[in-house]
Amino acid sequence: MEEGWKQVFLTGEEYKANMAKDILENDGIKTVLMNRHDTAYKSFGDIEVYVQEADEQKALELLKELKN
């Protein structure tokens, strides 16, 4: 990932990553998903959600409920 981006969410479930992205983008936060699932075995690997460094604290607060 390029400099200036911070990981704010990590999940093995694609639907949760998309929910996190929707929550953040609905609040005006630019979001990037990195799908690290194994290409042969979809059950291995995670999906990482990144935001720009300036939005990290706000993103973490917005995603607090989703992490539980």
PDB file of N, CA and C in Angstrom:
ATOM      1  N   MET A   1       0.847  -1.180   0.000  1.00  0.00           N
ATOM      2  CA  MET A   1       0.000   0.000   0.000  1.00  0.00           C
ATOM      3  C   MET A   1       0.891   1.241   0.000  1.00  0.00           C
ATOM      4  N   GLU A   2       0.433   2.256  -0.670  1.00  0.00           N
ATOM      5  CA  GLU A   2       1.208   3.497  -0.766  1.00  0.00           C
ATOM      6  C   GLU A   2       1.308   4.196   0.584  1.00  0.00           C
ATOM      7  N   GLU A   3       2.317   5.005   0.707  1.00  0.00           N
ATOM      8  CA  GLU A   3       2.529   5.775   1.925  1.00  0.00           C
ATOM      9  C   GLU A   3       1.357   6.725   2.150  1.00  0.00           C
ATOM     10  N   GLY A   4       1.004   6.938   3.411  1.00  0.00           N
ATOM     11  CA  GLY A   4      -0.080   7.858   3.738  1.00  0.00           C
ATOM     12  C   GLY A   4      -1.418   7.171   3.928  1.00  0.00           C
ATOM     13  N   TRP A   5      -1.470   5.856   3.797  1.00  0.00           N
ATOM     14  CA  TRP A   5      -2.704   5.095   3.984  1.00  0.00           C
ATOM     15  C   TRP A   5      -2.564   4.220   5.219  1.00  0.00           C
ATOM     16  N   LYS A   6      -3.637   4.062   5.979  1.00  0.00           N
ATOM     17  CA  LYS A   6      -3.622   3.281   7.207  1.00  0.00           C
ATOM     18  C   LYS A   6      -4.722   2.223   7.166  1.00  0.00           C
ATOM     19  N   GLN A   7      -4.378   1.043   7.632  1.00  0.00           N
ATOM     20  CA  GLN A   7      -5.371  -0.031   7.718  1.00  0.00           C
ATOM     21  C   GLN A   7      -6.253   0.229   8.938  1.00  0.00           C
ATOM     22  N   VAL A   8      -7.573   0.225   8.719  1.00  0.00           N
ATOM     23  CA  VAL A   8      -8.497   0.482   9.822  1.00  0.00           C
ATOM     24  C   VAL A   8      -9.432  -0.698  10.088  1.00  0.00           C
ATOM     25  N   PHE A   9      -9.413  -1.690   9.205  1.00  0.00           N
ATOM     26  CA  PHE A   9     -10.307  -2.833   9.386  1.00  0.00           C
ATOM     27  C   PHE A   9      -9.720  -4.029   8.663  1.00  0.00           C
ATOM     28  N   LEU A  10      -9.892  -5.200   9.271  1.00  0.00           N
ATOM     29  CA  LEU A  10      -9.382  -6.444   8.710  1.00  0.00           C
ATOM     30  C   LEU A  10     -10.417  -7.525   8.961  1.00  0.00           C
ATOM     31  N   THR A  11     -10.777  -8.265   7.917  1.00  0.00           N
ATOM     32  CA  THR A  11     -11.780  -9.314   8.047  1.00  0.00           C
ATOM     33  C   THR A  11     -11.548 -10.396   7.000  1.00  0.00           C
ATOM     34  N   GLY A  12     -12.023 -11.572   7.285  1.00  0.00           N
ATOM     35  CA  GLY A  12     -11.988 -12.656   6.319  1.00  0.00           C
ATOM     36  C   GLY A  12     -13.274 -12.737   5.522  1.00  0.00           C
ATOM     37  N   GLU A  13     -14.258 -11.892   5.884  1.00  0.00           N
ATOM     38  CA  GLU A  13     -15.578 -11.903   5.263  1.00  0.00           C
ATOM     39  C   GLU A  13     -15.741 -10.729   4.299  1.00  0.00           C
ATOM     40  N   GLU A  14     -16.001 -11.032   3.036  1.00  0.00           N
ATOM     41  CA  GLU A  14     -16.131  -9.978   2.030  1.00  0.00           C
ATOM     42  C   GLU A  14     -17.282  -9.030   2.332  1.00  0.00           C
ATOM     43  N   TYR A  15     -18.402  -9.565   2.834  1.00  0.00           N
ATOM     44  CA  TYR A  15     -19.551  -8.703   3.112  1.00  0.00           C
ATOM     45  C   TYR A  15     -19.228  -7.685   4.210  1.00  0.00           C
ATOM     46  N   LYS A  16     -18.425  -8.074   5.220  1.00  0.00           N
ATOM     47  CA  LYS A  16     -18.053  -7.135   6.280  1.00  0.00           C
ATOM     48  C   LYS A  16     -17.129  -6.040   5.750  1.00  0.00           C
ATOM     49  N   ALA A  17     -16.222  -6.407   4.863  1.00  0.00           N
ATOM     50  CA  ALA A  17     -15.338  -5.405   4.257  1.00  0.00           C
ATOM     51  C   ALA A  17     -16.153  -4.402   3.447  1.00  0.00           C
ATOM     52  N   ASN A  18     -17.137  -4.898   2.719  1.00  0.00           N
ATOM     53  CA  ASN A  18     -17.991  -3.999   1.935  1.00  0.00           C
ATOM     54  C   ASN A  18     -18.853  -3.126   2.832  1.00  0.00           C
ATOM     55  N   MET A  19     -19.310  -3.680   3.962  1.00  0.00           N
ATOM     56  CA  MET A  19     -20.069  -2.864   4.921  1.00  0.00           C
ATOM     57  C   MET A  19     -19.192  -1.741   5.472  1.00  0.00           C
ATOM     58  N   ALA A  20     -17.944  -2.077   5.821  1.00  0.00           N
ATOM     59  CA  ALA A  20     -17.022  -1.064   6.339  1.00  0.00           C
ATOM     60  C   ALA A  20     -16.791   0.029   5.294  1.00  0.00           C
ATOM     61  N   LYS A  21     -16.585  -0.388   4.058  1.00  0.00           N
ATOM     62  CA  LYS A  21     -16.370   0.580   2.979  1.00  0.00           C
ATOM     63  C   LYS A  21     -17.574   1.496   2.820  1.00  0.00           C
ATOM     64  N   ASP A  22     -18.768   0.929   2.844  1.00  0.00           N
ATOM     65  CA  ASP A  22     -19.991   1.733   2.713  1.00  0.00           C
ATOM     66  C   ASP A  22     -20.138   2.731   3.857  1.00  0.00           C
ATOM     67  N   ILE A  23     -19.892   2.276   5.089  1.00  0.00           N
ATOM     68  CA  ILE A  23     -19.990   3.161   6.255  1.00  0.00           C
ATOM     69  C   ILE A  23     -19.042   4.347   6.100  1.00  0.00           C
ATOM     70  N   LEU A  24     -17.815   4.057   5.719  1.00  0.00           N
ATOM     71  CA  LEU A  24     -16.815   5.113   5.598  1.00  0.00           C
ATOM     72  C   LEU A  24     -17.112   6.061   4.441  1.00  0.00           C
ATOM     73  N   GLU A  25     -17.457   5.507   3.295  1.00  0.00           N
ATOM     74  CA  GLU A  25     -17.719   6.352   2.126  1.00  0.00           C
ATOM     75  C   GLU A  25     -18.978   7.184   2.298  1.00  0.00           C
ATOM     76  N   ASN A  26     -19.970   6.675   3.042  1.00  0.00           N
ATOM     77  CA  ASN A  26     -21.171   7.462   3.325  1.00  0.00           C
ATOM     78  C   ASN A  26     -20.854   8.664   4.208  1.00  0.00           C
ATOM     79  N   ASP A  27     -19.731   8.605   4.906  1.00  0.00           N
ATOM     80  CA  ASP A  27     -19.296   9.724   5.737  1.00  0.00           C
ATOM     81  C   ASP A  27     -18.234  10.567   5.035  1.00  0.00           C
ATOM     82  N   GLY A  28     -17.995  10.292   3.745  1.00  0.00           N
ATOM     83  CA  GLY A  28     -17.083  11.092   2.951  1.00  0.00           C
ATOM     84  C   GLY A  28     -15.619  10.692   3.051  1.00  0.00           C
ATOM     85  N   ILE A  29     -15.353   9.492   3.545  1.00  0.00           N
ATOM     86  CA  ILE A  29     -13.967   9.032   3.702  1.00  0.00           C
ATOM     87  C   ILE A  29     -13.612   8.118   2.535  1.00  0.00           C
ATOM     88  N   LYS A  30     -12.574   8.490   1.810  1.00  0.00           N
ATOM     89  CA  LYS A  30     -12.099   7.682   0.692  1.00  0.00           C
ATOM     90  C   LYS A  30     -11.521   6.368   1.240  1.00  0.00           C
ATOM     91  N   THR A  31     -11.915   5.255   0.617  1.00  0.00           N
ATOM     92  CA  THR A  31     -11.576   3.930   1.131  1.00  0.00           C
ATOM     93  C   THR A  31     -11.007   3.046   0.033  1.00  0.00           C
ATOM     94  N   VAL A  32     -10.035   2.215   0.394  1.00  0.00           N
ATOM     95  CA  VAL A  32      -9.467   1.236  -0.529  1.00  0.00           C
ATOM     96  C   VAL A  32      -9.528  -0.135   0.134  1.00  0.00           C
ATOM     97  N   LEU A  33     -10.012  -1.135  -0.609  1.00  0.00           N
ATOM     98  CA  LEU A  33     -10.021  -2.512  -0.129  1.00  0.00           C
ATOM     99  C   LEU A  33      -8.881  -3.276  -0.778  1.00  0.00           C
ATOM    100  N   MET A  34      -8.179  -4.053   0.020  1.00  0.00           N
ATOM    101  CA  MET A  34      -7.118  -4.931  -0.484  1.00  0.00           C
ATOM    102  C   MET A  34      -7.551  -6.363  -0.183  1.00  0.00           C
ATOM    103  N   ASN A  35      -7.892  -7.102  -1.216  1.00  0.00           N
ATOM    104  CA  ASN A  35      -8.332  -8.481  -1.047  1.00  0.00           C
ATOM    105  C   ASN A  35      -7.115  -9.393  -1.090  1.00  0.00           C
ATOM    106  N   ARG A  36      -6.820  -9.999   0.035  1.00  0.00           N
ATOM    107  CA  ARG A  36      -5.659 -10.877   0.157  1.00  0.00           C
ATOM    108  C   ARG A  36      -6.074 -12.347   0.223  1.00  0.00           C
ATOM    109  N   HIS A  37      -7.301 -12.639  -0.240  1.00  0.00           N
ATOM    110  CA  HIS A  37      -7.747 -14.035  -0.279  1.00  0.00           C
ATOM    111  C   HIS A  37      -6.891 -14.830  -1.241  1.00  0.00           C
ATOM    112  N   ASP A  38      -6.591 -16.050  -0.869  1.00  0.00           N
ATOM    113  CA  ASP A  38      -5.868 -16.970  -1.738  1.00  0.00           C
ATOM    114  C   ASP A  38      -6.727 -17.224  -2.968  1.00  0.00           C
ATOM    115  N   THR A  39      -6.133 -17.234  -4.138  1.00  0.00           N
ATOM    116  CA  THR A  39      -6.911 -17.426  -5.366  1.00  0.00           C
ATOM    117  C   THR A  39      -7.441 -18.836  -5.515  1.00  0.00           C
ATOM    118  N   ALA A  40      -6.791 -19.806  -4.921  1.00  0.00           N
ATOM    119  CA  ALA A  40      -7.241 -21.196  -5.027  1.00  0.00           C
ATOM    120  C   ALA A  40      -8.197 -21.568  -3.893  1.00  0.00           C
ATOM    121  N   TYR A  41      -7.977 -21.006  -2.713  1.00  0.00           N
ATOM    122  CA  TYR A  41      -8.781 -21.335  -1.536  1.00  0.00           C
ATOM    123  C   TYR A  41      -9.331 -20.053  -0.938  1.00  0.00           C
ATOM    124  N   LYS A  42     -10.555 -19.716  -1.268  1.00  0.00           N
ATOM    125  CA  LYS A  42     -11.148 -18.444  -0.843  1.00  0.00           C
ATOM    126  C   LYS A  42     -11.293 -18.313   0.666  1.00  0.00           C
ATOM    127  N   SER A  43     -11.196 -19.425   1.396  1.00  0.00           N
ATOM    128  CA  SER A  43     -11.341 -19.344   2.845  1.00  0.00           C
ATOM    129  C   SER A  43     -10.047 -18.915   3.537  1.00  0.00           C
ATOM    130  N   PHE A  44      -8.954 -18.806   2.794  1.00  0.00           N
ATOM    131  CA  PHE A  44      -7.677 -18.374   3.361  1.00  0.00           C
ATOM    132  C   PHE A  44      -7.386 -16.946   2.955  1.00  0.00           C
ATOM    133  N   GLY A  45      -6.972 -16.146   3.928  1.00  0.00           N
ATOM    134  CA  GLY A  45      -6.613 -14.756   3.636  1.00  0.00           C
ATOM    135  C   GLY A  45      -7.654 -13.785   4.144  1.00  0.00           C
ATOM    136  N   ASP A  46      -7.302 -12.535   4.138  1.00  0.00           N
ATOM    137  CA  ASP A  46      -8.167 -11.487   4.669  1.00  0.00           C
ATOM    138  C   ASP A  46      -8.378 -10.378   3.654  1.00  0.00           C
ATOM    139  N   ILE A  47      -9.335  -9.529   3.967  1.00  0.00           N
ATOM    140  CA  ILE A  47      -9.577  -8.319   3.199  1.00  0.00           C
ATOM    141  C   ILE A  47      -9.258  -7.158   4.122  1.00  0.00           C
ATOM    142  N   GLU A  48      -8.401  -6.266   3.664  1.00  0.00           N
ATOM    143  CA  GLU A  48      -7.955  -5.127   4.451  1.00  0.00           C
ATOM    144  C   GLU A  48      -8.639  -3.857   3.941  1.00  0.00           C
ATOM    145  N   VAL A  49      -9.049  -3.007   4.875  1.00  0.00           N
ATOM    146  CA  VAL A  49      -9.680  -1.734   4.536  1.00  0.00           C
ATOM    147  C   VAL A  49      -8.724  -0.622   4.942  1.00  0.00           C
ATOM    148  N   TYR A  50      -8.396   0.230   3.988  1.00  0.00           N
ATOM    149  CA  TYR A  50      -7.456   1.333   4.211  1.00  0.00           C
ATOM    150  C   TYR A  50      -8.139   2.679   3.996  1.00  0.00           C
ATOM    151  N   VAL A  51      -7.696   3.663   4.764  1.00  0.00           N
ATOM    152  CA  VAL A  51      -8.118   5.056   4.581  1.00  0.00           C
ATOM    153  C   VAL A  51      -6.873   5.931   4.616  1.00  0.00           C
ATOM    154  N   GLN A  52      -7.025   7.155   4.167  1.00  0.00           N
ATOM    155  CA  GLN A  52      -5.902   8.090   4.238  1.00  0.00           C
ATOM    156  C   GLN A  52      -5.601   8.402   5.699  1.00  0.00           C
ATOM    157  N   GLU A  53      -4.328   8.627   5.969  1.00  0.00           N
ATOM    158  CA  GLU A  53      -3.858   8.816   7.337  1.00  0.00           C
ATOM    159  C   GLU A  53      -4.650   9.877   8.103  1.00  0.00           C
ATOM    160  N   ALA A  54      -5.025  10.940   7.445  1.00  0.00           N
ATOM    161  CA  ALA A  54      -5.761  12.030   8.097  1.00  0.00           C
ATOM    162  C   ALA A  54      -7.143  11.587   8.568  1.00  0.00           C
ATOM    163  N   ASP A  55      -7.706  10.553   7.969  1.00  0.00           N
ATOM    164  CA  ASP A  55      -9.041  10.078   8.311  1.00  0.00           C
ATOM    165  C   ASP A  55      -9.032   8.871   9.247  1.00  0.00           C
ATOM    166  N   GLU A  56      -7.852   8.443   9.683  1.00  0.00           N
ATOM    167  CA  GLU A  56      -7.730   7.199  10.452  1.00  0.00           C
ATOM    168  C   GLU A  56      -8.577   7.198  11.731  1.00  0.00           C
ATOM    169  N   GLN A  57      -8.452   8.208  12.564  1.00  0.00           N
ATOM    170  CA  GLN A  57      -9.175   8.218  13.851  1.00  0.00           C
ATOM    171  C   GLN A  57     -10.682   8.248  13.650  1.00  0.00           C
ATOM    172  N   LYS A  58     -11.144   9.058  12.722  1.00  0.00           N
ATOM    173  CA  LYS A  58     -12.577   9.130  12.445  1.00  0.00           C
ATOM    174  C   LYS A  58     -13.085   7.786  11.926  1.00  0.00           C
ATOM    175  N   ALA A  59     -12.307   7.141  11.057  1.00  0.00           N
ATOM    176  CA  ALA A  59     -12.696   5.841  10.502  1.00  0.00           C
ATOM    177  C   ALA A  59     -12.767   4.785  11.589  1.00  0.00           C
ATOM    178  N   LEU A  60     -11.788   4.768  12.480  1.00  0.00           N
ATOM    179  CA  LEU A  60     -11.791   3.795  13.574  1.00  0.00           C
ATOM    180  C   LEU A  60     -13.018   3.967  14.459  1.00  0.00           C
ATOM    181  N   GLU A  61     -13.401   5.202  14.705  1.00  0.00           N
ATOM    182  CA  GLU A  61     -14.590   5.476  15.520  1.00  0.00           C
ATOM    183  C   GLU A  61     -15.861   4.988  14.803  1.00  0.00           C
ATOM    184  N   LEU A  62     -15.949   5.263  13.505  1.00  0.00           N
ATOM    185  CA  LEU A  62     -17.127   4.838  12.742  1.00  0.00           C
ATOM    186  C   LEU A  62     -17.261   3.322  12.679  1.00  0.00           C
ATOM    187  N   LEU A  63     -16.130   2.623  12.663  1.00  0.00           N
ATOM    188  CA  LEU A  63     -16.150   1.171  12.500  1.00  0.00           C
ATOM    189  C   LEU A  63     -16.153   0.411  13.821  1.00  0.00           C
ATOM    190  N   LYS A  64     -16.172   1.128  14.923  1.00  0.00           N
ATOM    191  CA  LYS A  64     -16.117   0.496  16.249  1.00  0.00           C
ATOM    192  C   LYS A  64     -17.223  -0.554  16.413  1.00  0.00           C
ATOM    193  N   GLU A  65     -18.436  -0.220  16.029  1.00  0.00           N
ATOM    194  CA  GLU A  65     -19.581  -1.143  16.164  1.00  0.00           C
ATOM    195  C   GLU A  65     -19.416  -2.377  15.279  1.00  0.00           C
ATOM    196  N   LEU A  66     -18.887  -2.217  14.094  1.00  0.00           N
ATOM    197  CA  LEU A  66     -18.745  -3.301  13.142  1.00  0.00           C
ATOM    198  C   LEU A  66     -17.708  -4.321  13.602  1.00  0.00           C
ATOM    199  N   LYS A  67     -16.737  -3.876  14.368  1.00  0.00           N
ATOM    200  CA  LYS A  67     -15.670  -4.769  14.828  1.00  0.00           C
ATOM    201  C   LYS A  67     -16.152  -5.747  15.903  1.00  0.00           C
ATOM    202  N   ASN A  68     -17.259  -5.420  16.557  1.00  0.00           N
ATOM    203  CA  ASN A  68     -17.765  -6.289  17.627  1.00  0.00           C
ATOM    204  C   ASN A  68     -18.600  -7.409  17.114  1.00  0.00           C
TER     205      ASN A  68
END
